[in-house]
Structures are given as C-alpha cells and as structure tokens.
C-alpha atoms as a PDB file:
ATOM      1  CA  MET A   1     120.245  68.456 161.844  1.00  0.00           C
ATOM      2  CA  ALA A   2     118.372  69.755 159.394  1.00  0.00           C
ATOM      3  CA  VAL A   3     117.751  73.359 158.857  1.00  0.00           C
ATOM      4  CA  PHE A   4     114.423  75.154 158.294  1.00  0.00           C
ATOM      5  CA  TYR A   5     113.763  78.401 156.711  1.00  0.00           C
ATOM      6  CA  ASP A   6     110.640  79.849 156.260  1.00  0.00           C
ATOM      7  CA  ILE A   7     110.957  81.451 153.167  1.00  0.00           C
ATOM      8  CA  SER A   8     107.177  83.418 152.804  1.00  0.00           C
ATOM      9  CA  LEU A   9     106.609  87.243 152.869  1.00  0.00           C
ATOM     10  CA  PRO A  10     104.657  87.860 156.115  1.00  0.00           C
ATOM     11  CA  ILE A  11     101.016  88.798 154.948  1.00  0.00           C
ATOM     12  CA  TYR A  12      98.944  92.170 156.858  1.00  0.00           C
ATOM     13  CA  GLU A  13      97.468  94.952 156.661  1.00  0.00           C
ATOM     14  CA  GLY A  14      99.778  97.829 155.176  1.00  0.00           C
ATOM     15  CA  MET A  15     102.453  95.720 153.783  1.00  0.00           C
ATOM     16  CA  PRO A  16     104.922  96.220 150.870  1.00  0.00           C
ATOM     17  CA  VAL A  17     103.370  95.124 147.607  1.00  0.00           C
ATOM     18  CA  TYR A  18     104.148  95.876 144.368  1.00  0.00           C
ATOM     19  CA  LYS A  19     104.220  99.712 143.224  1.00  0.00           C
ATOM     20  CA  ASN A  20     102.793 101.034 146.339  1.00  0.00           C
ATOM     21  CA  LYS A  21      99.277 100.584 144.467  1.00  0.00           C
ATOM     22  CA  PRO A  22      95.951 101.125 146.995  1.00  0.00           C
ATOM     23  CA  GLU A  23      94.480  98.811 144.990  1.00  0.00           C
ATOM     24  CA  LYS A  24      97.428  96.115 145.809  1.00  0.00           C
ATOM     25  CA  GLN A  25      97.130  96.484 149.326  1.00  0.00           C
ATOM     26  CA  THR A  26      95.861  93.670 152.242  1.00  0.00           C
ATOM     27  CA  THR A  27      93.284  93.683 154.303  1.00  0.00           C
ATOM     28  CA  PHE A  28      91.239  92.097 156.915  1.00  0.00           C
ATOM     29  CA  GLU A  29      87.564  92.360 157.082  1.00  0.00           C
ATOM     30  CA  THR A  30      86.457  91.395 160.851  1.00  0.00           C
ATOM     31  CA  THR A  31      83.112  89.832 159.865  1.00  0.00           C
ATOM     32  CA  ALA A  32      81.814  88.764 163.357  1.00  0.00           C
ATOM     33  CA  ASP A  33      82.948  88.925 166.569  1.00  0.00           C
ATOM     34  CA  PHE A  34      82.600  87.940 170.454  1.00  0.00           C
ATOM     35  CA  SER A  35      80.380  91.477 171.013  1.00  0.00           C
ATOM     36  CA  SER A  36      77.604  89.908 168.787  1.00  0.00           C
ATOM     37  CA  GLY A  37      78.447  86.746 169.114  1.00  0.00           C
ATOM     38  CA  THR A  38      79.930  83.028 169.837  1.00  0.00           C
ATOM     39  CA  SER A  39      82.874  83.330 167.458  1.00  0.00           C
ATOM     40  CA  HIS A  40      85.675  85.797 165.821  1.00  0.00           C
ATOM     41  CA  GLU A  41      86.783  85.378 161.703  1.00  0.00           C
ATOM     42  CA  THR A  42      87.716  87.204 159.211  1.00  0.00           C
ATOM     43  CA  ARG A  43      87.286  87.973 155.521  1.00  0.00           C
ATOM     44  CA  ILE A  44      90.863  88.884 153.144  1.00  0.00           C
ATOM     45  CA  HIS A  45      91.039  91.083 150.782  1.00  0.00           C
ATOM     46  CA  MET A  46      93.904  90.328 149.238  1.00  0.00           C
ATOM     47  CA  ASP A  47      95.949  90.467 145.655  1.00  0.00           C
ATOM     48  CA  ALA A  48      96.821  86.640 143.956  1.00  0.00           C
ATOM     49  CA  HIS A  49     100.606  88.580 143.106  1.00  0.00           C
ATOM     50  CA  ALA A  50     101.026  89.694 147.293  1.00  0.00           C
ATOM     51  CA  GLY A  51     103.296  88.139 148.915  1.00  0.00           C
ATOM     52  CA  THR A  52     105.336  85.288 148.045  1.00  0.00           C
ATOM     53  CA  HIS A  53     102.917  83.977 145.189  1.00  0.00           C
ATOM     54  CA  VAL A  54     103.290  81.992 142.152  1.00  0.00           C
ATOM     55  CA  ASP A  55     102.166  83.277 138.153  1.00  0.00           C
ATOM     56  CA  ALA A  56     100.275  81.593 136.017  1.00  0.00           C
ATOM     57  CA  PRO A  57     100.884  82.231 132.010  1.00  0.00           C
ATOM     58  CA  LEU A  58      97.099  83.484 131.635  1.00  0.00           C
ATOM     59  CA  HIS A  59      99.556  86.744 133.749  1.00  0.00           C
ATOM     60  CA  MET A  60     100.824  88.057 130.537  1.00  0.00           C
ATOM     61  CA  THR A  61      99.406  85.587 128.162  1.00  0.00           C
ATOM     62  CA  PRO A  62      95.539  86.299 126.681  1.00  0.00           C
ATOM     63  CA  GLY A  63      93.734  82.621 127.054  1.00  0.00           C
ATOM     64  CA  GLY A  64      96.997  81.782 128.546  1.00  0.00           C
ATOM     65  CA  ALA A  65      96.680  78.010 131.502  1.00  0.00           C
ATOM     66  CA  THR A  66      95.016  79.056 134.661  1.00  0.00           C
ATOM     67  CA  ILE A  67      96.684  78.356 138.900  1.00  0.00           C
ATOM     68  CA  GLU A  68      94.974  74.969 138.841  1.00  0.00           C
ATOM     69  CA  THR A  69      97.258  73.325 135.914  1.00  0.00           C
ATOM     70  CA  LEU A  70     100.169  74.322 137.686  1.00  0.00           C
ATOM     71  CA  ASP A  71     101.801  70.164 138.858  1.00  0.00           C
ATOM     72  CA  VAL A  72     102.556  71.381 142.856  1.00  0.00           C
ATOM     73  CA  GLN A  73     104.321  68.703 142.261  1.00  0.00           C
ATOM     74  CA  ARG A  74     107.287  70.457 140.245  1.00  0.00           C
ATOM     75  CA  LEU A  75     107.039  72.516 143.350  1.00  0.00           C
ATOM     76  CA  MET A  76     108.309  70.045 145.893  1.00  0.00           C
ATOM     77  CA  ARG A  77     111.669  69.287 145.086  1.00  0.00           C
ATOM     78  CA  ASN A  78     115.488  69.976 145.465  1.00  0.00           C
ATOM     79  CA  VAL A  79     116.644  74.014 144.612  1.00  0.00           C
ATOM     80  CA  LYS A  80     119.939  76.007 144.482  1.00  0.00           C
ATOM     81  CA  VAL A  81     120.036  78.780 146.534  1.00  0.00           C
ATOM     82  CA  ILE A  82     122.442  81.552 143.942  1.00  0.00           C
ATOM     83  CA  ASP A  83     124.088  84.401 146.071  1.00  0.00           C
ATOM     84  CA  MET A  84     123.432  87.381 143.515  1.00  0.00           C
ATOM     85  CA  THR A  85     123.564  90.302 146.558  1.00  0.00           C
ATOM     86  CA  HIS A  86     126.564  92.070 144.179  1.00  0.00           C
ATOM     87  CA  VAL A  87     123.892  92.499 141.319  1.00  0.00           C
ATOM     88  CA  VAL A  88     123.075  95.967 140.876  1.00  0.00           C
ATOM     89  CA  ASP A  89     119.781  96.942 139.069  1.00  0.00           C
ATOM     90  CA  HIS A  90     119.391  93.664 137.204  1.00  0.00           C
ATOM     91  CA  ILE A  91     120.599  89.910 136.946  1.00  0.00           C
ATOM     92  CA  ALA A  92     121.891  89.955 133.684  1.00  0.00           C
ATOM     93  CA  LEU A  93     123.381  87.322 130.771  1.00  0.00           C
ATOM     94  CA  SER A  94     127.672  87.488 132.666  1.00  0.00           C
ATOM     95  CA  ASP A  95     125.260  87.143 136.152  1.00  0.00           C
ATOM     96  CA  VAL A  96     123.862  83.406 134.863  1.00  0.00           C
ATOM     97  CA  GLU A  97     126.102  82.238 131.692  1.00  0.00           C
ATOM     98  CA  PRO A  98     128.541  81.087 134.300  1.00  0.00           C
ATOM     99  CA  LEU A  99     126.501  79.072 136.484  1.00  0.00           C
ATOM    100  CA  GLY A 100     126.572  76.228 134.961  1.00  0.00           C
ATOM    101  CA  LEU A 101     123.121  75.387 134.855  1.00  0.00           C
ATOM    102  CA  GLN A 102     121.494  72.089 134.238  1.00  0.00           C
ATOM    103  CA  ARG A 103     118.601  71.614 132.594  1.00  0.00           C
ATOM    104  CA  GLY A 104     115.418  70.509 134.725  1.00  0.00           C
ATOM    105  CA  ASP A 105     117.150  72.704 137.253  1.00  0.00           C
ATOM    106  CA  PHE A 106     114.878  75.172 139.636  1.00  0.00           C
ATOM    107  CA  VAL A 107     116.969  78.039 141.373  1.00  0.00           C
ATOM    108  CA  LEU A 108     116.229  80.705 143.903  1.00  0.00           C
ATOM    109  CA  PHE A 109     118.096  84.334 143.441  1.00  0.00           C
ATOM    110  CA  LYS A 110     118.465  86.241 146.363  1.00  0.00           C
ATOM    111  CA  THR A 111     119.103  89.718 145.744  1.00  0.00           C
ATOM    112  CA  SER A 112     119.698  92.609 147.821  1.00  0.00           C
ATOM    113  CA  ASN A 113     115.907  93.407 147.656  1.00  0.00           C
ATOM    114  CA  SER A 114     115.905  90.150 150.319  1.00  0.00           C
ATOM    115  CA  PHE A 115     116.697  93.307 153.216  1.00  0.00           C
ATOM    116  CA  ASP A 116     114.583  96.068 151.802  1.00  0.00           C
ATOM    117  CA  GLN A 117     111.528  96.059 154.708  1.00  0.00           C
ATOM    118  CA  GLN A 118     109.388  98.421 151.394  1.00  0.00           C
ATOM    119  CA  PHE A 119     108.931  98.524 148.178  1.00  0.00           C
ATOM    120  CA  ASN A 120     111.699  99.623 146.440  1.00  0.00           C
ATOM    121  CA  ALA A 121     111.038 101.170 143.142  1.00  0.00           C
ATOM    122  CA  ALA A 122     114.622 100.178 141.833  1.00  0.00           C
ATOM    123  CA  PHE A 123     114.437  96.130 143.031  1.00  0.00           C
ATOM    124  CA  VAL A 124     117.052  93.906 141.116  1.00  0.00           C
ATOM    125  CA  PHE A 125     115.475  91.997 138.504  1.00  0.00           C
ATOM    126  CA  ILE A 126     115.481  89.372 135.556  1.00  0.00           C
ATOM    127  CA  ALA A 127     116.606  91.035 132.375  1.00  0.00           C
ATOM    128  CA  LYS A 128     115.610  89.666 128.768  1.00  0.00           C
ATOM    129  CA  ASP A 129     119.079  88.186 128.377  1.00  0.00           C
ATOM    130  CA  ALA A 130     119.882  87.035 130.830  1.00  0.00           C
ATOM    131  CA  ALA A 131     115.467  85.234 130.952  1.00  0.00           C
ATOM    132  CA  LYS A 132     116.620  84.173 127.960  1.00  0.00           C
ATOM    133  CA  TYR A 133     119.546  81.843 128.703  1.00  0.00           C
ATOM    134  CA  LEU A 134     117.813  80.461 131.656  1.00  0.00           C
ATOM    135  CA  ALA A 135     114.599  79.083 129.167  1.00  0.00           C
ATOM    136  CA  GLU A 136     116.957  77.667 126.697  1.00  0.00           C
ATOM    137  CA  ALA A 137     118.698  75.824 129.162  1.00  0.00           C
ATOM    138  CA  GLY A 138     115.622  73.807 130.038  1.00  0.00           C
ATOM    139  CA  ILE A 139     115.505  74.947 133.922  1.00  0.00           C
ATOM    140  CA  ASP A 140     112.314  74.114 135.353  1.00  0.00           C
ATOM    141  CA  GLY A 141     111.501  76.792 137.880  1.00  0.00           C
ATOM    142  CA  VAL A 142     113.654  79.943 139.110  1.00  0.00           C
ATOM    143  CA  GLY A 143     112.506  82.162 142.502  1.00  0.00           C
ATOM    144  CA  VAL A 144     113.025  85.689 142.704  1.00  0.00           C
ATOM    145  CA  ASP A 145     112.545  87.902 146.031  1.00  0.00           C
ATOM    146  CA  GLY A 146     111.809  90.773 144.270  1.00  0.00           C
ATOM    147  CA  LEU A 147     107.876  91.418 144.239  1.00  0.00           C
ATOM    148  CA  GLY A 148     108.217  91.508 140.190  1.00  0.00           C
ATOM    149  CA  ILE A 149     110.449  89.391 138.300  1.00  0.00           C
ATOM    150  CA  GLU A 150     110.702  92.153 135.789  1.00  0.00           C
ATOM    151  CA  ARG A 151     111.127  95.906 135.512  1.00  0.00           C
ATOM    152  CA  SER A 152     109.257  98.064 133.305  1.00  0.00           C
ATOM    153  CA  GLN A 153     109.407  96.066 130.738  1.00  0.00           C
ATOM    154  CA  PRO A 154     106.661  97.475 128.611  1.00  0.00           C
ATOM    155  CA  GLY A 155     106.158  93.781 126.415  1.00  0.00           C
ATOM    156  CA  HIS A 156     106.965  91.940 129.742  1.00  0.00           C
ATOM    157  CA  GLU A 157     109.578  90.218 127.735  1.00  0.00           C
ATOM    158  CA  THR A 158     111.009  88.285 130.992  1.00  0.00           C
ATOM    159  CA  HIS A 159     107.534  86.797 132.255  1.00  0.00           C
ATOM    160  CA  LYS A 160     106.847  86.135 128.629  1.00  0.00           C
ATOM    161  CA  LEU A 161     109.911  83.862 127.486  1.00  0.00           C
ATOM    162  CA  LEU A 162     110.144  81.987 130.565  1.00  0.00           C
ATOM    163  CA  MET A 163     106.400  80.809 130.674  1.00  0.00           C
ATOM    164  CA  ASP A 164     106.845  80.002 127.194  1.00  0.00           C
ATOM    165  CA  ALA A 165     109.022  77.709 128.083  1.00  0.00           C
ATOM    166  CA  GLY A 166     107.109  76.177 131.060  1.00  0.00           C
ATOM    167  CA  VAL A 167     109.387  77.605 133.255  1.00  0.00           C
ATOM    168  CA  ILE A 168     107.607  78.138 136.469  1.00  0.00           C
ATOM    169  CA  ILE A 169     107.930  81.808 137.628  1.00  0.00           C
ATOM    170  CA  LEU A 170     108.480  82.344 141.877  1.00  0.00           C
ATOM    171  CA  GLU A 171     108.339  86.030 142.954  1.00  0.00           C
ATOM    172  CA  GLY A 172     108.259  87.544 146.949  1.00  0.00           C
ATOM    173  CA  LEU A 173     110.432  84.926 148.782  1.00  0.00           C
ATOM    174  CA  ALA A 174     111.759  86.037 151.565  1.00  0.00           C
ATOM    175  CA  LEU A 175     115.963  85.294 151.409  1.00  0.00           C
ATOM    176  CA  GLN A 176     117.817  87.105 153.370  1.00  0.00           C
ATOM    177  CA  GLU A 177     118.322  83.885 156.188  1.00  0.00           C
ATOM    178  CA  VAL A 178     119.263  81.657 153.401  1.00  0.00           C
ATOM    179  CA  PRO A 179     122.639  80.803 152.571  1.00  0.00           C
ATOM    180  CA  ALA A 180     124.326  79.729 148.601  1.00  0.00           C
ATOM    181  CA  GLY A 181     123.631  76.339 148.167  1.00  0.00           C
ATOM    182  CA  GLU A 182     121.483  73.341 147.640  1.00  0.00           C
ATOM    183  CA  TYR A 183     118.131  72.615 149.869  1.00  0.00           C
ATOM    184  CA  TRP A 184     114.955  70.665 149.364  1.00  0.00           C
ATOM    185  CA  MET A 185     111.570  72.927 148.689  1.00  0.00           C
ATOM    186  CA  ALA A 186     108.263  73.646 149.638  1.00  0.00           C
ATOM    187  CA  ALA A 187     106.081  76.087 147.678  1.00  0.00           C
ATOM    188  CA  LEU A 188     102.682  75.382 147.403  1.00  0.00           C
ATOM    189  CA  PRO A 189     100.067  77.535 145.977  1.00  0.00           C
ATOM    190  CA  LEU A 190      96.174  77.346 147.360  1.00  0.00           C
ATOM    191  CA  ARG A 191      94.434  75.717 144.783  1.00  0.00           C
ATOM    192  CA  LEU A 192      92.947  78.589 143.415  1.00  0.00           C
ATOM    193  CA  ILE A 193      90.333  77.851 140.684  1.00  0.00           C
ATOM    194  CA  GLY A 194      90.175  80.016 137.040  1.00  0.00           C
ATOM    195  CA  THR A 195      92.969  82.865 138.667  1.00  0.00           C
ATOM    196  CA  ASP A 196      96.346  84.438 137.027  1.00  0.00           C
ATOM    197  CA  ALA A 197      98.254  83.684 140.173  1.00  0.00           C
ATOM    198  CA  ALA A 198      97.883  82.175 143.677  1.00  0.00           C
ATOM    199  CA  PRO A 199      99.796  83.049 146.896  1.00  0.00           C
ATOM    200  CA  VAL A 200     102.279  80.547 148.318  1.00  0.00           C
ATOM    201  CA  ARG A 201     103.770  79.607 152.000  1.00  0.00           C
ATOM    202  CA  ALA A 202     106.717  78.233 150.723  1.00  0.00           C
ATOM    203  CA  VAL A 203     109.892  76.750 152.858  1.00  0.00           C
ATOM    204  CA  LEU A 204     113.633  75.407 152.333  1.00  0.00           C
ATOM    205  CA  LEU A 205     114.649  72.481 154.247  1.00  0.00           C
ATOM    206  CA  ASP A 206     118.698  71.969 154.372  1.00  0.00           C
ATOM    207  CA  LYS A 207     119.442  68.512 154.879  1.00  0.00           C
ATOM    208  CA  ARG A 208     123.211  68.029 154.975  1.00  0.00           C
END
C-alpha cells in the first residue's frame, strides 16, 4: 500500500519565520463575517518565503527570473530523501561527496531542523563547498528542512552557486516523519507572477 507524507509546514499566525522578523510574520484579516453579512472571508498577509516555499533567481540576482518562469513539471518527480540528522551546524562537502549523486537527481536533506518547534538561529544549512559540489554534479533540485538553505553568508554563496547552475531550491520542508529513501514528490508553487518566491504545498508518495 502506498504511504503518503505531507511535508508542508502549517501556515498560521505566530508560526516560525526566518530570524523571527516581525515583518515576515503571517496574519489573517477577517474582511467579512456573519455579524455584518452572509459569509465569512479572510485576507492573508504573508511573506512569499514563509513556511514551505520555492525560491526564484530574482531572490538573489538583480533582474533574475521570477517564479512563474519555473517549469512546474520539475517539481512533480522522483526525489531522494537523505538522512543528515547526524550533521552538526552545516552540511559540508565531506557530507555530500559519498552520496553518489547523479546528474538530474533531486535531493531532500533531512536534518535536525525537522525537529525544531521554533525558529532556531543555529539551524543546519548547506555550506558553500557542498553547494558547489551539488551544482557541479548537475542535480536538478535540492530541498532543506530549514527556513533557509544558508546561514550568515554575506555574499549568499550557497543560493547563488545553486541558482546559477539552474538548481531548484525548496526551503521549509517538514521531514520529521519521513524515512530516508526514494519517493515521488509533488511540490507545486502558487501561480504568482513577478515574485522572488512562492509558497508550496509539498507531498511525498512512497509506492514501494
């Protein structure tokens, strides 16, 4: 029997956001209710990088491609969930070299981030040397369970190395219940126009 995993973070007021910045927080505004009308309606105020999301090149490159240019078929595919829960601080070149990754692979790194209940300023990230290796290996995409794929990199090297190689970046995955292995993934971004990212509802299917 197939096993289904929802790997999307829940969206709610007070949810963990990057660096706990107030301007990144999500709020819900009631614009109509039953006290004044016949329906209930809500307006969402939400950062495009909140929760589970996919980045577009514009996020790090002036004049870069926006989210609607991403071919969504690249986010409906087989992926590999790789257990990196033993890693401390960052995923380094020495962590990814032994994986035997092939050109066209899409990898999701499961780290200790998946078990954080609040934003952790010391979240595990992908270091520059590992990003360079992944880009040169020709992978198609990489997903992480932190709200960022890098941490405290003034030049945003990890983002740029991957984006310049055309690698899709998924951030904010919820992988705590997912064993390492191969899955079929659907991670479709909202059809926004002209933005640097988009929220995603991401699911995995284990058909073994």
